[in-house]
Full PDB file with SEQRES, HELIX, SHEET, SSBOND, CRYST1, ORIGX, SCALE, CONECT and MASTER records, all heavy atoms in Angstrom:
SEQRES   1 A   31  LYS PRO GLU ASP THR ALA ILE TYR TYR CYS ALA ALA ASP          
SEQRES   2 A   31  SER GLN SER VAL CYS PRO ILE ALA THR TRP ARG GLU TYR          
SEQRES   3 A   31  TRP GLY GLN GLY THR                                          
HELIX    1 AA1 PRO A    2  ASP A    4  5                                   3    
HELIX    2 AA2 CYS A   18  ILE A   20  5                                   3    
SHEET    1 AA1 2 ALA A  11  ALA A  12  0                                        
SHEET    2 AA1 2 TYR A  26  TRP A  27 -1                                        
CRYST1    1.000    1.000    1.000  90.00  90.00  90.00 P 1           1          
ORIGX1      1.000000  0.000000  0.000000        0.00000                         
ORIGX2      0.000000  1.000000  0.000000        0.00000                         
ORIGX3      0.000000  0.000000  1.000000        0.00000                         
SCALE1      1.000000  0.000000  0.000000        0.00000                         
SCALE2      0.000000  1.000000  0.000000        0.00000                         
SCALE3      0.000000  0.000000  1.000000        0.00000                         
ATOM      1  N   LYS A   1       9.642  10.323  13.145  1.00  0.00           N  
ATOM      2  CA  LYS A   1       9.270  11.673  13.460  1.00  0.00           C  
ATOM      3  C   LYS A   1       7.772  11.763  13.755  1.00  0.00           C  
ATOM      4  O   LYS A   1       7.019  10.917  13.294  1.00  0.00           O  
ATOM      5  CB  LYS A   1       9.575  12.628  12.300  1.00  0.00           C  
ATOM      6  CG  LYS A   1      11.036  12.554  11.811  1.00  0.00           C  
ATOM      7  CD  LYS A   1      11.221  13.367  10.546  1.00  0.00           C  
ATOM      8  CE  LYS A   1      12.641  13.267  10.044  1.00  0.00           C  
ATOM      9  NZ  LYS A   1      12.823  14.043   8.767  1.00  0.00           N  
ATOM     10  N   PRO A   2       7.343  12.771  14.509  1.00  0.00           N  
ATOM     11  CA  PRO A   2       5.877  12.869  14.758  1.00  0.00           C  
ATOM     12  C   PRO A   2       5.083  12.915  13.476  1.00  0.00           C  
ATOM     13  O   PRO A   2       3.935  12.395  13.491  1.00  0.00           O  
ATOM     14  CB  PRO A   2       5.810  14.217  15.514  1.00  0.00           C  
ATOM     15  CG  PRO A   2       7.099  14.307  16.232  1.00  0.00           C  
ATOM     16  CD  PRO A   2       8.106  13.721  15.281  1.00  0.00           C  
ATOM     17  N   GLU A   3       5.585  13.467  12.424  1.00  0.00           N  
ATOM     18  CA  GLU A   3       4.840  13.518  11.162  1.00  0.00           C  
ATOM     19  C   GLU A   3       4.695  12.159  10.493  1.00  0.00           C  
ATOM     20  O   GLU A   3       3.987  12.035   9.506  1.00  0.00           O  
ATOM     21  CB  GLU A   3       5.456  14.540  10.219  1.00  0.00           C  
ATOM     22  CG  GLU A   3       6.945  14.348   9.977  1.00  0.00           C  
ATOM     23  CD  GLU A   3       7.787  15.266  10.834  1.00  0.00           C  
ATOM     24  OE1 GLU A   3       7.480  15.409  12.038  1.00  0.00           O  
ATOM     25  OE2 GLU A   3       8.762  15.859  10.303  1.00  0.00           O  
ATOM     26  N   ASP A   4       5.378  11.136  10.994  1.00  0.00           N  
ATOM     27  CA  ASP A   4       5.169   9.789  10.514  1.00  0.00           C  
ATOM     28  C   ASP A   4       3.953   9.128  11.097  1.00  0.00           C  
ATOM     29  O   ASP A   4       3.593   8.011  10.690  1.00  0.00           O  
ATOM     30  CB  ASP A   4       6.408   8.923  10.819  1.00  0.00           C  
ATOM     31  CG  ASP A   4       7.651   9.385  10.077  1.00  0.00           C  
ATOM     32  OD1 ASP A   4       7.558   9.697   8.890  1.00  0.00           O  
ATOM     33  OD2 ASP A   4       8.720   9.400  10.708  1.00  0.00           O  
ATOM     34  N   THR A   5       3.330   9.763  12.055  1.00  0.00           N  
ATOM     35  CA  THR A   5       2.113   9.218  12.687  1.00  0.00           C  
ATOM     36  C   THR A   5       1.018   9.036  11.637  1.00  0.00           C  
ATOM     37  O   THR A   5       0.633   9.966  10.944  1.00  0.00           O  
ATOM     38  CB  THR A   5       1.618  10.129  13.804  1.00  0.00           C  
ATOM     39  OG1 THR A   5       2.619  10.180  14.841  1.00  0.00           O  
ATOM     40  CG2 THR A   5       0.321   9.624  14.393  1.00  0.00           C  
ATOM     41  N   ALA A   6       0.516   7.824  11.533  1.00  0.00           N  
ATOM     42  CA  ALA A   6      -0.501   7.487  10.505  1.00  0.00           C  
ATOM     43  C   ALA A   6      -0.902   6.049  10.670  1.00  0.00           C  
ATOM     44  O   ALA A   6      -0.263   5.295  11.399  1.00  0.00           O  
ATOM     45  CB  ALA A   6       0.080   7.731   9.102  1.00  0.00           C  
ATOM     46  N   ILE A   7      -1.950   5.684   9.946  1.00  0.00           N  
ATOM     47  CA  ILE A   7      -2.236   4.272   9.773  1.00  0.00           C  
ATOM     48  C   ILE A   7      -1.469   3.813   8.539  1.00  0.00           C  
ATOM     49  O   ILE A   7      -1.529   4.427   7.502  1.00  0.00           O  
ATOM     50  CB  ILE A   7      -3.728   4.037   9.562  1.00  0.00           C  
ATOM     51  CG1 ILE A   7      -4.517   4.515  10.776  1.00  0.00           C  
ATOM     52  CG2 ILE A   7      -4.005   2.554   9.314  1.00  0.00           C  
ATOM     53  CD1 ILE A   7      -6.013   4.422  10.595  1.00  0.00           C  
ATOM     54  N   TYR A   8      -0.722   2.740   8.702  1.00  0.00           N  
ATOM     55  CA  TYR A   8       0.089   2.198   7.621  1.00  0.00           C  
ATOM     56  C   TYR A   8      -0.571   0.956   7.028  1.00  0.00           C  
ATOM     57  O   TYR A   8      -0.987   0.046   7.757  1.00  0.00           O  
ATOM     58  CB  TYR A   8       1.487   1.841   8.144  1.00  0.00           C  
ATOM     59  CG  TYR A   8       2.357   3.049   8.325  1.00  0.00           C  
ATOM     60  CD1 TYR A   8       2.111   3.958   9.348  1.00  0.00           C  
ATOM     61  CD2 TYR A   8       3.397   3.323   7.459  1.00  0.00           C  
ATOM     62  CE1 TYR A   8       2.877   5.083   9.536  1.00  0.00           C  
ATOM     63  CE2 TYR A   8       4.183   4.472   7.640  1.00  0.00           C  
ATOM     64  CZ  TYR A   8       3.932   5.325   8.677  1.00  0.00           C  
ATOM     65  OH  TYR A   8       4.730   6.462   8.830  1.00  0.00           O  
ATOM     66  N   TYR A   9      -0.685   0.949   5.724  1.00  0.00           N  
ATOM     67  CA  TYR A   9      -1.353  -0.129   4.996  1.00  0.00           C  
ATOM     68  C   TYR A   9      -0.363  -0.789   4.038  1.00  0.00           C  
ATOM     69  O   TYR A   9       0.523  -0.120   3.495  1.00  0.00           O  
ATOM     70  CB  TYR A   9      -2.506   0.402   4.148  1.00  0.00           C  
ATOM     71  CG  TYR A   9      -3.597   1.103   4.913  1.00  0.00           C  
ATOM     72  CD1 TYR A   9      -3.548   2.473   5.150  1.00  0.00           C  
ATOM     73  CD2 TYR A   9      -4.708   0.405   5.392  1.00  0.00           C  
ATOM     74  CE1 TYR A   9      -4.556   3.136   5.825  1.00  0.00           C  
ATOM     75  CE2 TYR A   9      -5.723   1.003   6.059  1.00  0.00           C  
ATOM     76  CZ  TYR A   9      -5.646   2.396   6.291  1.00  0.00           C  
ATOM     77  OH  TYR A   9      -6.642   3.059   6.957  1.00  0.00           O  
ATOM     78  N   CYS A  10      -0.551  -2.051   3.821  1.00  0.00           N  
ATOM     79  CA  CYS A  10       0.136  -2.700   2.684  1.00  0.00           C  
ATOM     80  C   CYS A  10      -0.870  -3.063   1.629  1.00  0.00           C  
ATOM     81  O   CYS A  10      -2.079  -3.262   1.903  1.00  0.00           O  
ATOM     82  CB  CYS A  10       0.942  -3.928   3.124  1.00  0.00           C  
ATOM     83  SG  CYS A  10       0.004  -5.336   3.768  1.00  0.00           S  
ATOM     84  N   ALA A  11      -0.422  -3.126   0.405  1.00  0.00           N  
ATOM     85  CA  ALA A  11      -1.269  -3.456  -0.723  1.00  0.00           C  
ATOM     86  C   ALA A  11      -0.450  -4.267  -1.716  1.00  0.00           C  
ATOM     87  O   ALA A  11       0.777  -4.167  -1.752  1.00  0.00           O  
ATOM     88  CB  ALA A  11      -1.787  -2.182  -1.413  1.00  0.00           C  
ATOM     89  N   ALA A  12      -1.150  -5.050  -2.511  1.00  0.00           N  
ATOM     90  CA  ALA A  12      -0.492  -5.898  -3.508  1.00  0.00           C  
ATOM     91  C   ALA A  12      -1.130  -5.699  -4.854  1.00  0.00           C  
ATOM     92  O   ALA A  12      -2.336  -5.379  -4.969  1.00  0.00           O  
ATOM     93  CB  ALA A  12      -0.586  -7.377  -3.125  1.00  0.00           C  
ATOM     94  N   ASP A  13      -0.336  -5.858  -5.877  1.00  0.00           N  
ATOM     95  CA  ASP A  13      -0.806  -5.657  -7.252  1.00  0.00           C  
ATOM     96  C   ASP A  13      -0.200  -6.719  -8.152  1.00  0.00           C  
ATOM     97  O   ASP A  13       1.006  -6.969  -8.067  1.00  0.00           O  
ATOM     98  CB  ASP A  13      -0.403  -4.277  -7.752  1.00  0.00           C  
ATOM     99  CG  ASP A  13      -1.123  -3.883  -9.045  1.00  0.00           C  
ATOM    100  OD1 ASP A  13      -0.699  -4.361 -10.095  1.00  0.00           O  
ATOM    101  OD2 ASP A  13      -2.098  -3.123  -8.965  1.00  0.00           O  
ATOM    102  N   SER A  14      -1.029  -7.327  -8.966  1.00  0.00           N  
ATOM    103  CA  SER A  14      -0.585  -8.454  -9.811  1.00  0.00           C  
ATOM    104  C   SER A  14       0.200  -7.996 -11.036  1.00  0.00           C  
ATOM    105  O   SER A  14       0.682  -8.828 -11.772  1.00  0.00           O  
ATOM    106  CB  SER A  14      -1.790  -9.292 -10.260  1.00  0.00           C  
ATOM    107  OG  SER A  14      -2.713  -8.484 -11.028  1.00  0.00           O  
ATOM    108  N   GLN A  15       0.323  -6.702 -11.279  1.00  0.00           N  
ATOM    109  CA  GLN A  15       1.137  -6.244 -12.412  1.00  0.00           C  
ATOM    110  C   GLN A  15       2.626  -6.439 -12.140  1.00  0.00           C  
ATOM    111  O   GLN A  15       3.407  -6.373 -13.077  1.00  0.00           O  
ATOM    112  CB  GLN A  15       0.817  -4.808 -12.772  1.00  0.00           C  
ATOM    113  CG  GLN A  15      -0.567  -4.647 -13.345  1.00  0.00           C  
ATOM    114  CD  GLN A  15      -0.835  -3.267 -13.883  1.00  0.00           C  
ATOM    115  OE1 GLN A  15      -0.895  -2.309 -13.157  1.00  0.00           O  
ATOM    116  NE2 GLN A  15      -1.003  -3.186 -15.205  1.00  0.00           N  
ATOM    117  N   SER A  16       2.978  -6.614 -10.906  1.00  0.00           N  
ATOM    118  CA  SER A  16       4.304  -7.101 -10.483  1.00  0.00           C  
ATOM    119  C   SER A  16       5.462  -6.100 -10.573  1.00  0.00           C  
ATOM    120  O   SER A  16       6.555  -6.417 -10.098  1.00  0.00           O  
ATOM    121  CB  SER A  16       4.688  -8.400 -11.188  1.00  0.00           C  
ATOM    122  OG  SER A  16       5.173  -8.137 -12.536  1.00  0.00           O  
ATOM    123  N   VAL A  17       5.237  -4.975 -11.176  1.00  0.00           N  
ATOM    124  CA  VAL A  17       6.290  -3.947 -11.253  1.00  0.00           C  
ATOM    125  C   VAL A  17       5.759  -2.677 -10.608  1.00  0.00           C  
ATOM    126  O   VAL A  17       4.685  -2.161 -11.010  1.00  0.00           O  
ATOM    127  CB  VAL A  17       6.702  -3.678 -12.703  1.00  0.00           C  
ATOM    128  CG1 VAL A  17       7.762  -2.574 -12.779  1.00  0.00           C  
ATOM    129  CG2 VAL A  17       7.219  -4.952 -13.362  1.00  0.00           C  
ATOM    130  N   CYS A  18       6.437  -2.191  -9.611  1.00  0.00           N  
ATOM    131  CA  CYS A  18       5.929  -1.075  -8.821  1.00  0.00           C  
ATOM    132  C   CYS A  18       5.509   0.168  -9.625  1.00  0.00           C  
ATOM    133  O   CYS A  18       4.442   0.705  -9.342  1.00  0.00           O  
ATOM    134  CB  CYS A  18       6.934  -0.668  -7.753  1.00  0.00           C  
ATOM    135  SG  CYS A  18       7.143  -1.904  -6.434  1.00  0.00           S  
ATOM    136  N   PRO A  19       6.303   0.628 -10.552  1.00  0.00           N  
ATOM    137  CA  PRO A  19       5.915   1.871 -11.252  1.00  0.00           C  
ATOM    138  C   PRO A  19       4.609   1.806 -12.037  1.00  0.00           C  
ATOM    139  O   PRO A  19       4.053   2.880 -12.309  1.00  0.00           O  
ATOM    140  CB  PRO A  19       7.098   2.115 -12.189  1.00  0.00           C  
ATOM    141  CG  PRO A  19       8.258   1.403 -11.566  1.00  0.00           C  
ATOM    142  CD  PRO A  19       7.629   0.154 -10.991  1.00  0.00           C  
ATOM    143  N   ILE A  20       4.116   0.623 -12.365  1.00  0.00           N  
ATOM    144  CA  ILE A  20       2.887   0.546 -13.142  1.00  0.00           C  
ATOM    145  C   ILE A  20       1.767  -0.083 -12.342  1.00  0.00           C  
ATOM    146  O   ILE A  20       0.677  -0.351 -12.865  1.00  0.00           O  
ATOM    147  CB  ILE A  20       3.069  -0.236 -14.454  1.00  0.00           C  
ATOM    148  CG1 ILE A  20       3.507  -1.683 -14.190  1.00  0.00           C  
ATOM    149  CG2 ILE A  20       4.087   0.478 -15.352  1.00  0.00           C  
ATOM    150  CD1 ILE A  20       3.509  -2.546 -15.428  1.00  0.00           C  
ATOM    151  N   ALA A  21       1.963  -0.330 -11.075  1.00  0.00           N  
ATOM    152  CA  ALA A  21       0.914  -0.888 -10.242  1.00  0.00           C  
ATOM    153  C   ALA A  21      -0.246   0.075 -10.090  1.00  0.00           C  
ATOM    154  O   ALA A  21      -0.047   1.311 -10.013  1.00  0.00           O  
ATOM    155  CB  ALA A  21       1.454  -1.253  -8.859  1.00  0.00           C  
ATOM    156  N   THR A  22      -1.472  -0.433 -10.051  1.00  0.00           N  
ATOM    157  CA  THR A  22      -2.660   0.395  -9.904  1.00  0.00           C  
ATOM    158  C   THR A  22      -3.279   0.331  -8.507  1.00  0.00           C  
ATOM    159  O   THR A  22      -4.104   1.174  -8.144  1.00  0.00           O  
ATOM    160  CB  THR A  22      -3.743  -0.035 -10.896  1.00  0.00           C  
ATOM    161  OG1 THR A  22      -4.098  -1.378 -10.693  1.00  0.00           O  
ATOM    162  CG2 THR A  22      -3.240   0.117 -12.333  1.00  0.00           C  
ATOM    163  N   TRP A  23      -2.860  -0.655  -7.728  1.00  0.00           N  
ATOM    164  CA  TRP A  23      -3.283  -0.780  -6.320  1.00  0.00           C  
ATOM    165  C   TRP A  23      -4.791  -0.853  -6.180  1.00  0.00           C  
ATOM    166  O   TRP A  23      -5.382  -0.228  -5.286  1.00  0.00           O  
ATOM    167  CB  TRP A  23      -2.705   0.363  -5.476  1.00  0.00           C  
ATOM    168  CG  TRP A  23      -1.212   0.524  -5.634  1.00  0.00           C  
ATOM    169  CD1 TRP A  23      -0.554   1.572  -6.187  1.00  0.00           C  
ATOM    170  CD2 TRP A  23      -0.217  -0.456  -5.325  1.00  0.00           C  
ATOM    171  NE1 TRP A  23       0.794   1.341  -6.186  1.00  0.00           N  
ATOM    172  CE2 TRP A  23       1.033   0.114  -5.675  1.00  0.00           C  
ATOM    173  CE3 TRP A  23      -0.246  -1.730  -4.772  1.00  0.00           C  
ATOM    174  CZ2 TRP A  23       2.254  -0.566  -5.480  1.00  0.00           C  
ATOM    175  CZ3 TRP A  23       0.965  -2.400  -4.585  1.00  0.00           C  
ATOM    176  CH2 TRP A  23       2.155  -1.835  -4.951  1.00  0.00           C  
ATOM    177  N   ARG A  24      -5.419  -1.599  -7.034  1.00  0.00           N  
ATOM    178  CA  ARG A  24      -6.867  -1.757  -6.998  1.00  0.00           C  
ATOM    179  C   ARG A  24      -7.306  -3.115  -6.473  1.00  0.00           C  
ATOM    180  O   ARG A  24      -8.503  -3.355  -6.332  1.00  0.00           O  
ATOM    181  CB  ARG A  24      -7.456  -1.562  -8.390  1.00  0.00           C  
ATOM    182  CG  ARG A  24      -7.280  -0.142  -8.946  1.00  0.00           C  
ATOM    183  CD  ARG A  24      -7.854  -0.042 -10.355  1.00  0.00           C  
ATOM    184  NE  ARG A  24      -7.719   1.280 -10.915  1.00  0.00           N  
ATOM    185  CZ  ARG A  24      -8.124   1.640 -12.109  1.00  0.00           C  
ATOM    186  NH1 ARG A  24      -8.704   0.722 -12.904  1.00  0.00           N  
ATOM    187  NH2 ARG A  24      -7.958   2.865 -12.549  1.00  0.00           N  
ATOM    188  N   GLU A  25      -6.385  -4.008  -6.215  1.00  0.00           N  
ATOM    189  CA  GLU A  25      -6.741  -5.391  -5.995  1.00  0.00           C  
ATOM    190  C   GLU A  25      -6.813  -5.817  -4.530  1.00  0.00           C  
ATOM    191  O   GLU A  25      -7.820  -6.301  -4.058  1.00  0.00           O  
ATOM    192  CB  GLU A  25      -5.771  -6.298  -6.744  1.00  0.00           C  
ATOM    193  CG  GLU A  25      -5.806  -6.089  -8.251  1.00  0.00           C  
ATOM    194  CD  GLU A  25      -4.762  -6.922  -8.954  1.00  0.00           C  
ATOM    195  OE1 GLU A  25      -4.912  -8.183  -9.003  1.00  0.00           O  
ATOM    196  OE2 GLU A  25      -3.796  -6.353  -9.464  1.00  0.00           O  
ATOM    197  N   TYR A  26      -5.712  -5.645  -3.808  1.00  0.00           N  
ATOM    198  CA  TYR A  26      -5.616  -6.186  -2.454  1.00  0.00           C  
ATOM    199  C   TYR A  26      -5.068  -5.156  -1.457  1.00  0.00           C  
ATOM    200  O   TYR A  26      -4.026  -4.557  -1.725  1.00  0.00           O  
ATOM    201  CB  TYR A  26      -4.702  -7.418  -2.457  1.00  0.00           C  
ATOM    202  CG  TYR A  26      -5.013  -8.418  -3.539  1.00  0.00           C  
ATOM    203  CD1 TYR A  26      -4.139  -8.629  -4.608  1.00  0.00           C  
ATOM    204  CD2 TYR A  26      -6.160  -9.202  -3.482  1.00  0.00           C  
ATOM    205  CE1 TYR A  26      -4.406  -9.530  -5.586  1.00  0.00           C  
ATOM    206  CE2 TYR A  26      -6.482 -10.095  -4.496  1.00  0.00           C  
ATOM    207  CZ  TYR A  26      -5.584 -10.279  -5.542  1.00  0.00           C  
ATOM    208  OH  TYR A  26      -5.872 -11.182  -6.531  1.00  0.00           O  
ATOM    209  N   TRP A  27      -5.760  -5.013  -0.353  1.00  0.00           N  
ATOM    210  CA  TRP A  27      -5.358  -4.104   0.714  1.00  0.00           C  
ATOM    211  C   TRP A  27      -5.559  -4.739   2.064  1.00  0.00           C  
ATOM    212  O   TRP A  27      -6.521  -5.490   2.264  1.00  0.00           O  
ATOM    213  CB  TRP A  27      -6.182  -2.790   0.657  1.00  0.00           C  
ATOM    214  CG  TRP A  27      -5.778  -1.885  -0.440  1.00  0.00           C  
ATOM    215  CD1 TRP A  27      -6.216  -1.907  -1.718  1.00  0.00           C  
ATOM    216  CD2 TRP A  27      -4.878  -0.775  -0.338  1.00  0.00           C  
ATOM    217  NE1 TRP A  27      -5.656  -0.892  -2.434  1.00  0.00           N  
ATOM    218  CE2 TRP A  27      -4.841  -0.164  -1.624  1.00  0.00           C  
ATOM    219  CE3 TRP A  27      -4.161  -0.225   0.703  1.00  0.00           C  
ATOM    220  CZ2 TRP A  27      -4.041   0.940  -1.876  1.00  0.00           C  
ATOM    221  CZ3 TRP A  27      -3.365   0.887   0.439  1.00  0.00           C  
ATOM    222  CH2 TRP A  27      -3.312   1.447  -0.837  1.00  0.00           C  
ATOM    223  N   GLY A  28      -4.668  -4.413   3.000  1.00  0.00           N  
ATOM    224  CA  GLY A  28      -4.855  -4.827   4.364  1.00  0.00           C  
ATOM    225  C   GLY A  28      -5.696  -3.819   5.140  1.00  0.00           C  
ATOM    226  O   GLY A  28      -6.168  -2.804   4.596  1.00  0.00           O  
ATOM    227  N   GLN A  29      -5.908  -4.099   6.422  1.00  0.00           N  
ATOM    228  CA  GLN A  29      -6.739  -3.229   7.263  1.00  0.00           C  
ATOM    229  C   GLN A  29      -5.931  -2.130   7.933  1.00  0.00           C  
ATOM    230  O   GLN A  29      -6.547  -1.217   8.499  1.00  0.00           O  
ATOM    231  CB  GLN A  29      -7.475  -4.072   8.292  1.00  0.00           C  
ATOM    232  CG  GLN A  29      -8.488  -5.041   7.704  1.00  0.00           C  
ATOM    233  CD  GLN A  29      -9.537  -4.331   6.894  1.00  0.00           C  
ATOM    234  OE1 GLN A  29     -10.223  -3.428   7.387  1.00  0.00           O  
ATOM    235  NE2 GLN A  29      -9.723  -4.731   5.635  1.00  0.00           N  
ATOM    236  N   GLY A  30      -4.643  -2.225   7.930  1.00  0.00           N  
ATOM    237  CA  GLY A  30      -3.804  -1.176   8.473  1.00  0.00           C  
ATOM    238  C   GLY A  30      -3.332  -1.435   9.893  1.00  0.00           C  
ATOM    239  O   GLY A  30      -3.930  -2.205  10.646  1.00  0.00           O  
ATOM    240  N   THR A  31      -2.238  -0.790  10.237  1.00  0.00           N  
ATOM    241  CA  THR A  31      -1.706  -0.836  11.597  1.00  0.00           C  
ATOM    242  C   THR A  31      -1.303   0.593  11.980  1.00  0.00           C  
ATOM    243  O   THR A  31      -0.697   1.332  11.219  1.00  0.00           O  
ATOM    244  CB  THR A  31      -0.518  -1.795  11.707  1.00  0.00           C  
ATOM    245  OG1 THR A  31      -0.107  -1.898  13.063  1.00  0.00           O  
ATOM    246  CG2 THR A  31       0.646  -1.384  10.821  1.00  0.00           C  
TER     247      THR A  31                                                      
MASTER        0    0    0    2    2    0    0    6  246    1    0    3          
END                                                                             
């Protein structure tokens, strides 16, 4: 949808479980 227009980023977290990830460690530059 048009509202999906955005820069999309991926990120990684060493805590390994999504609900407790803090997303402070690794980020890409986006697409």
